[in-house]
Amino acid sequence: MKLEQIIITFLEKVIDPETGLNVVRMELIRNLKIEKNGRVSLTFRPSSPVCPLAFQLGFAIQQAVKGVEGVKDLRINVEGFIHAEQLEKILAEGQ
């Protein structure tokens, strides 16, 4: 199985507690890019600009992707959220 498919499978296990749907099905994950050296980047776009669960989901997304064998580095860009910069900074520090 390709690394991209494995990452998506892991992301499908991240469930939004309010909807009961996974972040892939909700289309909260965009621009998934994987380089040959195991560097991964993606964009997380919470369901609303004031999503109360954005931090929780961001951490869960980070843990899911970092749990995939072969992922060496992860960069999560956050869009469409009022605290996007703060969340990106916290996620970057958690590397």
Protein backbone atom coordinates (compact mmCIF):
# COMPACT_ATOMS: atom_id res chain seq x y z
CA MET A 1 0.00 0.00 0.00
CA LYS A 2 1.30 3.46 -0.86
CA LEU A 3 2.22 5.83 1.95
CA GLU A 4 -0.53 8.24 0.88
CA GLN A 5 -3.18 5.54 1.16
CA ILE A 6 -1.90 4.52 4.59
CA ILE A 7 -2.00 8.13 5.81
CA ILE A 8 -5.57 8.51 4.57
CA THR A 9 -6.54 5.28 6.33
CA PHE A 10 -5.08 6.63 9.59
CA LEU A 11 -6.84 9.99 9.09
CA GLU A 12 -10.14 8.19 8.59
CA LYS A 13 -9.85 7.12 12.24
CA VAL A 14 -9.92 10.78 13.38
CA ILE A 15 -13.57 11.40 14.22
CA ASP A 16 -15.21 14.77 14.75
CA PRO A 17 -17.10 14.26 18.04
CA GLU A 18 -19.89 16.64 17.03
CA THR A 19 -20.77 14.93 13.76
CA GLY A 20 -19.48 11.41 14.28
CA LEU A 21 -17.82 11.62 10.85
CA ASN A 22 -14.14 11.29 10.08
CA VAL A 23 -12.06 14.27 8.96
CA VAL A 24 -11.50 12.80 5.49
CA ARG A 25 -15.20 12.33 4.81
CA MET A 26 -15.88 15.84 6.13
CA GLU A 27 -13.23 17.12 3.69
CA LEU A 28 -11.31 18.89 6.46
CA ILE A 29 -8.01 17.62 5.03
CA ARG A 30 -6.72 19.11 1.79
CA ASN A 31 -3.50 19.31 -0.19
CA LEU A 32 -1.95 16.12 1.19
CA LYS A 33 1.58 16.01 -0.20
CA ILE A 34 4.20 13.36 0.44
CA GLU A 35 7.81 13.73 -0.59
CA LYS A 36 10.09 10.77 -1.20
CA ASN A 37 12.07 11.51 1.95
CA GLY A 38 9.00 11.00 4.18
CA ARG A 39 8.14 14.66 4.58
CA VAL A 40 4.38 15.17 4.68
CA SER A 41 2.37 18.35 4.45
CA LEU A 42 -1.35 18.90 4.52
CA THR A 43 -3.92 21.60 5.04
CA PHE A 44 -6.47 21.33 7.83
CA ARG A 45 -9.56 23.45 7.36
CA PRO A 46 -11.93 23.25 10.34
CA SER A 47 -15.64 23.12 9.59
CA SER A 48 -16.13 26.74 10.70
CA PRO A 49 -13.91 29.75 11.43
CA VAL A 50 -14.80 29.45 15.13
CA CYS A 51 -14.80 25.64 15.38
CA PRO A 52 -14.60 24.81 19.11
CA LEU A 53 -12.91 21.49 18.34
CA ALA A 54 -10.22 22.74 15.95
CA PHE A 55 -7.38 22.36 18.45
CA GLN A 56 -8.53 18.89 19.49
CA LEU A 57 -8.89 17.78 15.87
CA GLY A 58 -5.56 19.35 14.92
CA PHE A 59 -3.78 17.36 17.62
CA ALA A 60 -5.60 14.16 16.60
CA ILE A 61 -4.67 14.69 12.95
CA GLN A 62 -1.04 15.26 13.93
CA GLN A 63 -0.93 12.09 16.05
CA ALA A 64 -2.59 10.02 13.33
CA VAL A 65 -0.13 11.05 10.62
CA LYS A 66 2.91 10.82 12.88
CA GLY A 67 1.80 7.28 13.74
CA VAL A 68 2.33 6.14 10.16
CA GLU A 69 5.57 4.27 9.58
CA GLY A 70 7.66 6.13 7.02
CA VAL A 71 6.53 9.64 7.98
CA LYS A 72 9.67 11.53 8.96
CA ASP A 73 8.33 15.07 9.21
CA LEU A 74 4.90 16.68 9.21
CA ARG A 75 3.78 20.21 8.40
CA ILE A 76 0.14 21.11 9.03
CA ASN A 77 -1.19 24.33 7.54
CA VAL A 78 -4.42 25.61 9.05
CA GLU A 79 -6.89 27.63 6.98
CA GLY A 80 -10.24 29.22 7.61
CA PHE A 81 -9.93 29.33 11.41
CA ILE A 82 -9.67 32.47 13.53
CA HIS A 83 -6.79 31.03 15.56
CA ALA A 84 -5.00 29.41 12.60
CA GLU A 85 -1.59 30.93 13.38
CA GLN A 86 -1.73 29.89 17.01
CA LEU A 87 -2.78 26.34 16.15
CA GLU A 88 -0.07 26.01 13.47
CA LYS A 89 2.55 27.20 15.96
CA ILE A 90 1.44 24.72 18.65
CA LEU A 91 1.40 21.85 16.14
CA ALA A 92 4.86 22.80 14.84
CA GLU A 93 6.21 22.79 18.41
CA GLY A 94 4.77 19.32 18.93
CA GLN A 95 7.00 17.82 16.24
